[in-house]
């Protein structure tokens, strides 16, 4: 029994030690769009040792739900919506106000940047997919 428990603990420690994590930099961490400044930029940097692919979506909070639920919106647009970054390199992402009716400061918008997995996972491999959320405020 003791030997079995020790083996399980050793396996857990070794699996934790071999977990890799993603390192990315995003600035700014909050975007503000105004009547005069209808376009904002995000700087995204890949600090990992691998080429990575990402998808960008812009969403608006659905306030009819009690929980924080987001729906795709056409009020804002992002460019590019899909991109790849090499290790140590960056990507400029632009967010623009498309719908001039979206002028309520009460609306909650978010830019989601989600890592796109490259190929199928190997057998007995667990992949962690990173998704980042950046708030966007509209002030008119």
Protein backbone atom coordinates (compact mmCIF):
# COMPACT_ATOMS: atom_id res chain seq x y z
CA UNK A 1 0.00 0.00 0.00
CA UNK A 2 2.76 2.45 0.97
CA UNK A 3 4.75 1.61 -2.19
CA UNK A 4 1.67 2.16 -4.36
CA UNK A 5 0.93 5.56 -2.78
CA UNK A 6 4.55 6.62 -3.20
CA UNK A 7 4.40 5.65 -6.90
CA UNK A 8 1.25 7.71 -7.42
CA UNK A 9 2.81 10.76 -5.74
CA UNK A 10 5.95 10.40 -7.86
CA UNK A 11 3.86 10.22 -11.06
CA UNK A 12 1.95 13.37 -10.10
CA UNK A 13 5.16 15.28 -9.36
CA UNK A 14 6.73 14.23 -12.65
CA UNK A 15 3.63 15.17 -14.64
CA UNK A 16 3.50 18.62 -13.02
CA UNK A 17 7.17 19.19 -13.74
CA UNK A 18 6.65 18.45 -17.45
CA UNK A 19 3.73 20.85 -17.98
CA UNK A 20 4.55 23.64 -20.40
CA UNK A 21 2.76 26.96 -20.29
CA UNK A 22 2.16 29.66 -22.84
CA UNK A 23 3.61 33.13 -22.47
CA UNK A 24 2.05 36.00 -24.35
CA UNK A 25 2.11 39.77 -23.97
CA UNK A 26 -0.86 42.00 -24.78
CA UNK A 27 -0.98 45.78 -24.52
CA UNK A 28 -3.02 47.72 -23.73
CA UNK A 29 -5.17 45.54 -21.48
CA UNK A 30 -8.26 47.74 -22.00
CA UNK A 31 -9.42 49.48 -25.17
CA UNK A 32 -11.43 52.70 -25.40
CA UNK A 33 -13.17 53.83 -28.59
CA UNK A 34 -14.64 57.33 -28.95
CA UNK A 35 -16.44 59.43 -31.54
CA UNK A 36 -13.07 60.79 -32.70
CA UNK A 37 -10.98 57.64 -32.15
CA UNK A 38 -12.99 54.89 -33.84
CA UNK A 39 -9.99 52.57 -34.21
CA UNK A 40 -7.78 51.15 -31.47
CA UNK A 41 -4.78 48.82 -31.64
CA UNK A 42 -3.66 45.83 -29.58
CA UNK A 43 -0.05 44.70 -29.57
CA UNK A 44 0.23 40.94 -29.21
CA UNK A 45 3.57 39.16 -28.70
CA UNK A 46 4.34 35.43 -28.72
CA UNK A 47 7.02 34.75 -26.09
CA UNK A 48 6.91 30.97 -26.53
CA UNK A 49 9.42 28.84 -28.44
CA UNK A 50 6.86 27.74 -31.03
CA UNK A 51 4.92 29.23 -33.91
CA UNK A 52 1.33 29.73 -32.77
CA UNK A 53 -1.97 30.46 -34.54
CA UNK A 54 -4.76 32.59 -33.08
CA UNK A 55 -8.34 33.58 -33.85
CA UNK A 56 -9.78 36.97 -32.87
CA UNK A 57 -13.51 37.46 -32.19
CA UNK A 58 -15.39 40.51 -30.97
CA UNK A 59 -18.38 39.90 -28.72
CA UNK A 60 -21.04 41.84 -26.82
CA UNK A 61 -22.48 40.82 -23.48
CA UNK A 62 -26.05 39.55 -23.58
CA UNK A 63 -27.64 41.38 -20.64
CA UNK A 64 -30.84 39.37 -20.87
CA UNK A 65 -28.96 36.48 -19.24
CA UNK A 66 -28.16 36.47 -15.51
CA UNK A 67 -24.73 35.00 -16.16
CA UNK A 68 -22.05 36.67 -18.28
CA UNK A 69 -22.91 35.37 -21.73
CA UNK A 70 -21.33 36.91 -24.81
CA UNK A 71 -22.69 36.91 -28.38
CA UNK A 72 -20.93 37.74 -31.64
CA UNK A 73 -21.50 41.35 -32.65
CA UNK A 74 -21.24 43.44 -35.80
CA UNK A 75 -20.85 46.68 -33.81
CA UNK A 76 -17.06 46.24 -33.78
CA UNK A 77 -14.70 44.57 -36.23
CA UNK A 78 -11.22 43.11 -35.75
CA UNK A 79 -8.37 42.80 -38.21
CA UNK A 80 -6.83 40.30 -38.69
CA UNK A 81 -9.28 37.68 -37.47
CA UNK A 82 -6.78 34.82 -37.85
CA UNK A 83 -3.01 35.15 -37.58
CA UNK A 84 0.21 33.23 -36.88
CA UNK A 85 3.14 34.47 -34.84
CA UNK A 86 6.68 33.18 -34.83
CA UNK A 87 8.56 32.73 -31.54
CA UNK A 88 9.45 36.12 -30.07
CA UNK A 89 7.48 38.01 -32.73
CA UNK A 90 4.33 40.09 -32.50
CA UNK A 91 1.13 41.01 -34.30
CA UNK A 92 -0.77 44.29 -34.42
CA UNK A 93 -4.53 43.78 -34.05
CA UNK A 94 -6.89 46.63 -34.91
CA UNK A 95 -10.36 46.99 -33.43
CA UNK A 96 -12.75 49.42 -35.14
CA UNK A 97 -16.19 50.80 -34.37
CA UNK A 98 -18.37 49.73 -37.28
CA UNK A 99 -21.84 50.54 -35.96
CA UNK A 100 -22.23 54.21 -34.93
CA UNK A 101 -25.41 53.24 -33.02
CA UNK A 102 -23.24 51.31 -30.55
CA UNK A 103 -22.70 54.34 -28.40
CA UNK A 104 -23.97 53.23 -25.03
CA UNK A 105 -21.33 53.16 -22.32
CA UNK A 106 -23.46 50.51 -20.65
CA UNK A 107 -22.67 47.97 -23.35
CA UNK A 108 -19.98 45.46 -22.47
CA UNK A 109 -17.76 44.46 -25.40
CA UNK A 110 -14.81 42.07 -25.36
CA UNK A 111 -12.09 41.07 -27.78
CA UNK A 112 -11.30 37.37 -27.43
CA UNK A 113 -7.96 36.05 -28.69
CA UNK A 114 -7.96 32.26 -28.74
CA UNK A 115 -5.09 29.95 -29.54
CA UNK A 116 -5.83 27.58 -32.44
CA UNK A 117 -4.36 24.09 -31.88
CA UNK A 118 -1.87 22.87 -34.48
CA UNK A 119 -2.78 19.36 -35.64
CA UNK A 120 -4.17 16.51 -33.56
CA UNK A 121 -2.95 15.86 -30.03
CA UNK A 122 -0.62 12.91 -29.54
CA UNK A 123 -1.91 9.87 -27.71
CA UNK A 124 -2.02 10.43 -23.93
CA UNK A 125 -1.36 14.14 -24.44
CA UNK A 126 -3.38 16.89 -22.80
CA UNK A 127 -3.39 20.26 -24.53
CA UNK A 128 -4.21 23.54 -22.90
CA UNK A 129 -5.68 26.15 -25.21
CA UNK A 130 -5.17 29.75 -24.16
CA UNK A 131 -7.94 32.32 -24.56
CA UNK A 132 -7.51 35.94 -23.57
CA UNK A 133 -10.29 38.50 -23.07
CA UNK A 134 -9.73 42.25 -23.43
CA UNK A 135 -12.50 44.70 -22.45
CA UNK A 136 -13.58 47.42 -24.89
CA UNK A 137 -15.36 50.61 -23.81
CA UNK A 138 -17.21 52.94 -26.15
CA UNK A 139 -17.42 56.58 -25.05
CA UNK A 140 -19.32 59.01 -27.19
